[in-house]
N, C-alpha and C. Protein backbone atom coordinates (compact mmCIF):
# COMPACT_ATOMS: atom_id res chain seq x y z
N MET A 1 20.98 -2.26 5.07
CA MET A 1 19.73 -2.01 5.74
C MET A 1 19.17 -0.64 5.37
N SER A 2 20.01 0.35 5.18
CA SER A 2 19.52 1.67 4.81
C SER A 2 18.84 1.65 3.45
N LYS A 3 19.26 0.73 2.56
CA LYS A 3 18.62 0.60 1.25
C LYS A 3 17.16 0.19 1.44
N HIS A 4 16.89 -0.73 2.36
CA HIS A 4 15.52 -1.16 2.64
C HIS A 4 14.69 0.01 3.12
N ILE A 5 15.22 0.80 4.03
CA ILE A 5 14.50 1.96 4.54
C ILE A 5 14.22 2.94 3.41
N SER A 6 15.18 3.16 2.56
CA SER A 6 15.00 4.06 1.43
C SER A 6 13.93 3.52 0.49
N ASP A 7 13.98 2.22 0.18
CA ASP A 7 12.98 1.61 -0.69
C ASP A 7 11.59 1.72 -0.09
N GLU A 8 11.48 1.49 1.21
CA GLU A 8 10.21 1.58 1.91
C GLU A 8 9.66 3.00 1.82
N SER A 9 10.52 3.97 2.00
CA SER A 9 10.11 5.36 1.95
C SER A 9 9.63 5.75 0.56
N VAL A 10 10.30 5.25 -0.47
CA VAL A 10 9.87 5.51 -1.85
C VAL A 10 8.51 4.85 -2.10
N LEU A 11 8.35 3.63 -1.64
CA LEU A 11 7.09 2.91 -1.81
C LEU A 11 5.94 3.62 -1.11
N LEU A 12 6.16 4.05 0.12
CA LEU A 12 5.12 4.79 0.85
C LEU A 12 4.75 6.07 0.12
N GLY A 13 5.74 6.76 -0.41
CA GLY A 13 5.47 7.98 -1.16
C GLY A 13 4.65 7.70 -2.41
N GLU A 14 4.97 6.62 -3.10
CA GLU A 14 4.24 6.24 -4.32
C GLU A 14 2.79 5.86 -4.01
N ILE A 15 2.60 5.08 -2.96
CA ILE A 15 1.24 4.70 -2.56
C ILE A 15 0.44 5.94 -2.21
N GLY A 16 1.05 6.82 -1.43
CA GLY A 16 0.37 8.05 -1.04
C GLY A 16 -0.01 8.91 -2.23
N ALA A 17 0.90 9.04 -3.18
CA ALA A 17 0.63 9.86 -4.37
C ALA A 17 -0.52 9.27 -5.18
N ARG A 18 -0.54 7.95 -5.29
CA ARG A 18 -1.61 7.31 -6.06
C ARG A 18 -2.96 7.43 -5.35
N VAL A 19 -2.96 7.27 -4.03
CA VAL A 19 -4.20 7.43 -3.27
C VAL A 19 -4.71 8.85 -3.45
N ARG A 20 -3.82 9.83 -3.35
CA ARG A 20 -4.22 11.23 -3.52
C ARG A 20 -4.80 11.47 -4.91
N ALA A 21 -4.14 10.95 -5.94
CA ALA A 21 -4.61 11.15 -7.31
C ALA A 21 -6.01 10.56 -7.51
N VAL A 22 -6.23 9.37 -6.98
CA VAL A 22 -7.55 8.75 -7.12
C VAL A 22 -8.59 9.52 -6.32
N ARG A 23 -8.22 9.93 -5.11
CA ARG A 23 -9.15 10.72 -4.28
C ARG A 23 -9.58 11.97 -5.02
N LEU A 24 -8.62 12.68 -5.60
CA LEU A 24 -8.93 13.91 -6.32
C LEU A 24 -9.76 13.63 -7.57
N SER A 25 -9.47 12.53 -8.26
CA SER A 25 -10.24 12.20 -9.47
C SER A 25 -11.69 11.87 -9.12
N GLU A 26 -11.91 11.42 -7.89
CA GLU A 26 -13.26 11.13 -7.40
C GLU A 26 -13.90 12.36 -6.75
N ASN A 27 -13.20 13.48 -6.80
CA ASN A 27 -13.68 14.74 -6.20
C ASN A 27 -14.02 14.59 -4.72
N LEU A 28 -13.16 13.87 -4.01
CA LEU A 28 -13.33 13.70 -2.57
C LEU A 28 -12.32 14.55 -1.83
N SER A 29 -12.75 15.18 -0.77
CA SER A 29 -11.81 15.88 0.10
C SER A 29 -11.19 14.86 1.04
N GLN A 30 -10.12 15.25 1.70
CA GLN A 30 -9.52 14.36 2.70
C GLN A 30 -10.53 14.02 3.78
N GLU A 31 -11.32 15.01 4.17
CA GLU A 31 -12.33 14.80 5.21
C GLU A 31 -13.37 13.78 4.77
N GLN A 32 -13.81 13.88 3.52
CA GLN A 32 -14.82 12.95 3.01
C GLN A 32 -14.27 11.52 2.94
N LEU A 33 -13.05 11.39 2.45
CA LEU A 33 -12.43 10.07 2.38
C LEU A 33 -12.25 9.49 3.78
N ALA A 34 -11.78 10.32 4.69
CA ALA A 34 -11.58 9.86 6.07
C ALA A 34 -12.89 9.37 6.68
N ALA A 35 -13.96 10.13 6.50
CA ALA A 35 -15.25 9.74 7.05
C ALA A 35 -15.74 8.43 6.43
N ALA A 36 -15.61 8.31 5.12
CA ALA A 36 -16.08 7.11 4.43
C ALA A 36 -15.28 5.87 4.83
N ALA A 37 -14.00 6.05 5.14
CA ALA A 37 -13.14 4.93 5.52
C ALA A 37 -13.09 4.73 7.04
N SER A 38 -13.78 5.58 7.78
CA SER A 38 -13.77 5.53 9.25
C SER A 38 -12.37 5.66 9.83
N VAL A 39 -11.61 6.60 9.27
CA VAL A 39 -10.28 6.92 9.79
C VAL A 39 -10.22 8.43 10.01
N SER A 40 -9.16 8.89 10.64
CA SER A 40 -9.02 10.32 10.88
C SER A 40 -8.45 11.02 9.64
N ARG A 41 -8.68 12.32 9.56
CA ARG A 41 -8.11 13.10 8.46
C ARG A 41 -6.59 13.05 8.53
N SER A 42 -6.03 13.03 9.73
CA SER A 42 -4.57 12.97 9.86
C SER A 42 -4.01 11.67 9.28
N THR A 43 -4.79 10.59 9.34
CA THR A 43 -4.37 9.33 8.71
C THR A 43 -4.26 9.51 7.20
N ILE A 44 -5.25 10.17 6.61
CA ILE A 44 -5.23 10.44 5.17
C ILE A 44 -4.03 11.32 4.83
N LYS A 45 -3.81 12.35 5.63
CA LYS A 45 -2.67 13.25 5.39
C LYS A 45 -1.35 12.50 5.46
N ARG A 46 -1.18 11.65 6.48
CA ARG A 46 0.06 10.87 6.62
C ARG A 46 0.26 9.94 5.43
N LEU A 47 -0.82 9.27 5.02
CA LEU A 47 -0.72 8.35 3.89
C LEU A 47 -0.35 9.10 2.61
N GLU A 48 -1.05 10.17 2.32
CA GLU A 48 -0.82 10.91 1.08
C GLU A 48 0.55 11.58 1.04
N SER A 49 1.06 11.96 2.19
CA SER A 49 2.37 12.61 2.22
C SER A 49 3.51 11.60 2.18
N GLY A 50 3.18 10.33 2.47
CA GLY A 50 4.22 9.30 2.49
C GLY A 50 5.06 9.33 3.74
N HIS A 51 4.64 10.12 4.72
CA HIS A 51 5.37 10.22 5.99
C HIS A 51 4.55 9.59 7.10
N GLY A 52 5.22 9.02 8.06
CA GLY A 52 4.52 8.40 9.18
C GLY A 52 3.96 7.05 8.78
N SER A 53 3.41 6.38 9.75
CA SER A 53 2.89 5.05 9.47
C SER A 53 1.37 5.06 9.45
N VAL A 54 0.82 4.17 8.67
CA VAL A 54 -0.62 3.97 8.60
C VAL A 54 -0.83 2.47 8.77
N SER A 55 -1.75 2.10 9.63
CA SER A 55 -1.97 0.66 9.86
C SER A 55 -2.50 -0.01 8.60
N LEU A 56 -2.25 -1.29 8.50
CA LEU A 56 -2.73 -2.05 7.36
C LEU A 56 -4.26 -2.00 7.29
N ALA A 57 -4.91 -2.09 8.44
CA ALA A 57 -6.38 -2.05 8.47
C ALA A 57 -6.89 -0.71 7.92
N ASN A 58 -6.23 0.39 8.31
CA ASN A 58 -6.64 1.70 7.79
C ASN A 58 -6.37 1.82 6.30
N LEU A 59 -5.22 1.32 5.86
CA LEU A 59 -4.90 1.37 4.43
C LEU A 59 -5.94 0.59 3.64
N LEU A 60 -6.29 -0.60 4.10
CA LEU A 60 -7.29 -1.40 3.40
C LEU A 60 -8.65 -0.73 3.37
N ALA A 61 -9.03 -0.06 4.46
CA ALA A 61 -10.30 0.67 4.49
C ALA A 61 -10.30 1.81 3.47
N ILE A 62 -9.20 2.53 3.38
CA ILE A 62 -9.07 3.64 2.44
C ILE A 62 -9.11 3.11 1.00
N LEU A 63 -8.37 2.05 0.73
CA LEU A 63 -8.36 1.46 -0.61
C LEU A 63 -9.74 0.95 -1.00
N ALA A 64 -10.48 0.41 -0.05
CA ALA A 64 -11.83 -0.09 -0.33
C ALA A 64 -12.75 1.05 -0.75
N VAL A 65 -12.68 2.18 -0.05
CA VAL A 65 -13.52 3.33 -0.40
C VAL A 65 -13.20 3.82 -1.80
N LEU A 66 -11.92 3.77 -2.17
CA LEU A 66 -11.49 4.24 -3.49
C LEU A 66 -11.58 3.15 -4.57
N ASN A 67 -12.15 2.01 -4.21
CA ASN A 67 -12.27 0.87 -5.14
C ASN A 67 -10.92 0.41 -5.67
N LEU A 68 -9.92 0.40 -4.81
CA LEU A 68 -8.57 -0.01 -5.20
C LEU A 68 -8.16 -1.35 -4.59
N SER A 69 -9.04 -1.94 -3.79
CA SER A 69 -8.70 -3.21 -3.13
C SER A 69 -8.36 -4.30 -4.14
N GLU A 70 -9.14 -4.39 -5.20
CA GLU A 70 -8.88 -5.43 -6.21
C GLU A 70 -7.53 -5.21 -6.89
N SER A 71 -7.16 -3.95 -7.09
CA SER A 71 -5.86 -3.66 -7.70
C SER A 71 -4.73 -4.16 -6.81
N LEU A 72 -4.89 -4.00 -5.51
CA LEU A 72 -3.88 -4.47 -4.57
C LEU A 72 -3.75 -5.98 -4.64
N VAL A 73 -4.88 -6.66 -4.61
CA VAL A 73 -4.86 -8.12 -4.65
C VAL A 73 -4.28 -8.60 -5.98
N ALA A 74 -4.62 -7.92 -7.07
CA ALA A 74 -4.11 -8.31 -8.39
C ALA A 74 -2.60 -8.17 -8.47
N ALA A 75 -2.03 -7.25 -7.70
CA ALA A 75 -0.58 -7.03 -7.73
C ALA A 75 0.19 -8.09 -6.95
N LEU A 76 -0.51 -8.83 -6.11
CA LEU A 76 0.15 -9.87 -5.30
C LEU A 76 0.27 -11.16 -6.09
N PRO A 77 1.38 -11.89 -5.90
CA PRO A 77 1.53 -13.16 -6.62
C PRO A 77 0.51 -14.19 -6.13
N GLU A 78 0.16 -15.09 -7.02
CA GLU A 78 -0.74 -16.19 -6.67
C GLU A 78 -0.03 -17.12 -5.68
N PRO A 79 -0.77 -17.83 -4.82
CA PRO A 79 -0.13 -18.73 -3.85
C PRO A 79 0.82 -19.74 -4.49
N GLU A 80 0.48 -20.31 -5.66
CA GLU A 80 1.37 -21.27 -6.31
C GLU A 80 2.68 -20.60 -6.70
N GLU A 81 2.57 -19.36 -7.17
CA GLU A 81 3.76 -18.60 -7.57
C GLU A 81 4.67 -18.37 -6.36
N LEU A 82 4.07 -18.08 -5.21
CA LEU A 82 4.85 -17.88 -3.99
C LEU A 82 5.60 -19.15 -3.62
N SER A 83 4.94 -20.28 -3.75
CA SER A 83 5.58 -21.55 -3.43
C SER A 83 6.78 -21.81 -4.34
N LEU A 84 6.62 -21.53 -5.63
CA LEU A 84 7.74 -21.69 -6.57
C LEU A 84 8.89 -20.76 -6.23
N GLN A 85 8.56 -19.52 -5.85
CA GLN A 85 9.61 -18.56 -5.48
C GLN A 85 10.37 -19.05 -4.26
N ARG A 86 9.67 -19.61 -3.28
CA ARG A 86 10.33 -20.13 -2.08
C ARG A 86 11.25 -21.30 -2.43
N GLN A 87 10.76 -22.18 -3.31
CA GLN A 87 11.57 -23.33 -3.72
C GLN A 87 12.84 -22.87 -4.42
N ARG A 88 12.72 -21.88 -5.31
CA ARG A 88 13.89 -21.37 -6.02
C ARG A 88 14.88 -20.73 -5.05
N ALA A 89 14.35 -19.96 -4.11
CA ALA A 89 15.22 -19.30 -3.13
C ALA A 89 15.93 -20.34 -2.27
N SER A 90 15.23 -21.39 -1.90
CA SER A 90 15.83 -22.46 -1.10
C SER A 90 16.95 -23.15 -1.87
N ARG A 91 16.71 -23.41 -3.16
CA ARG A 91 17.74 -24.04 -3.99
C ARG A 91 18.96 -23.14 -4.12
N ARG A 92 18.71 -21.84 -4.28
CA ARG A 92 19.83 -20.90 -4.40
C ARG A 92 20.67 -20.89 -3.13
N ARG A 93 20.01 -20.94 -1.98
CA ARG A 93 20.74 -20.93 -0.70
C ARG A 93 21.59 -22.18 -0.54
N THR A 94 21.07 -23.32 -0.98
CA THR A 94 21.85 -24.55 -0.84
C THR A 94 23.01 -24.61 -1.83
N LEU A 95 22.89 -23.91 -2.95
CA LEU A 95 23.97 -23.87 -3.93
C LEU A 95 25.09 -22.92 -3.51
N ASP A 96 24.76 -21.93 -2.71
CA ASP A 96 25.78 -20.93 -2.28
C ASP A 96 26.70 -21.44 -1.24
């Protein structure tokens, strides 16, 4: 279980670093991004630092302002692919 927590923490840090890099490349301050996404500056700080939690709704609002929503969707598997993954996992469980 601690591996999951560690992986989650690394992922949050990576997301935060990428959001910060894009924000800076767009010459936006944390305050400007927060206002455009209708979130607080502390939400931006928490996200960029990789510490604390940020709601999915807030994350999606921030990604939309930075034009990263499509990148997120592109990273997700297609529904058919998910179905195949579930079938494979089910077969593996029955074989074990």
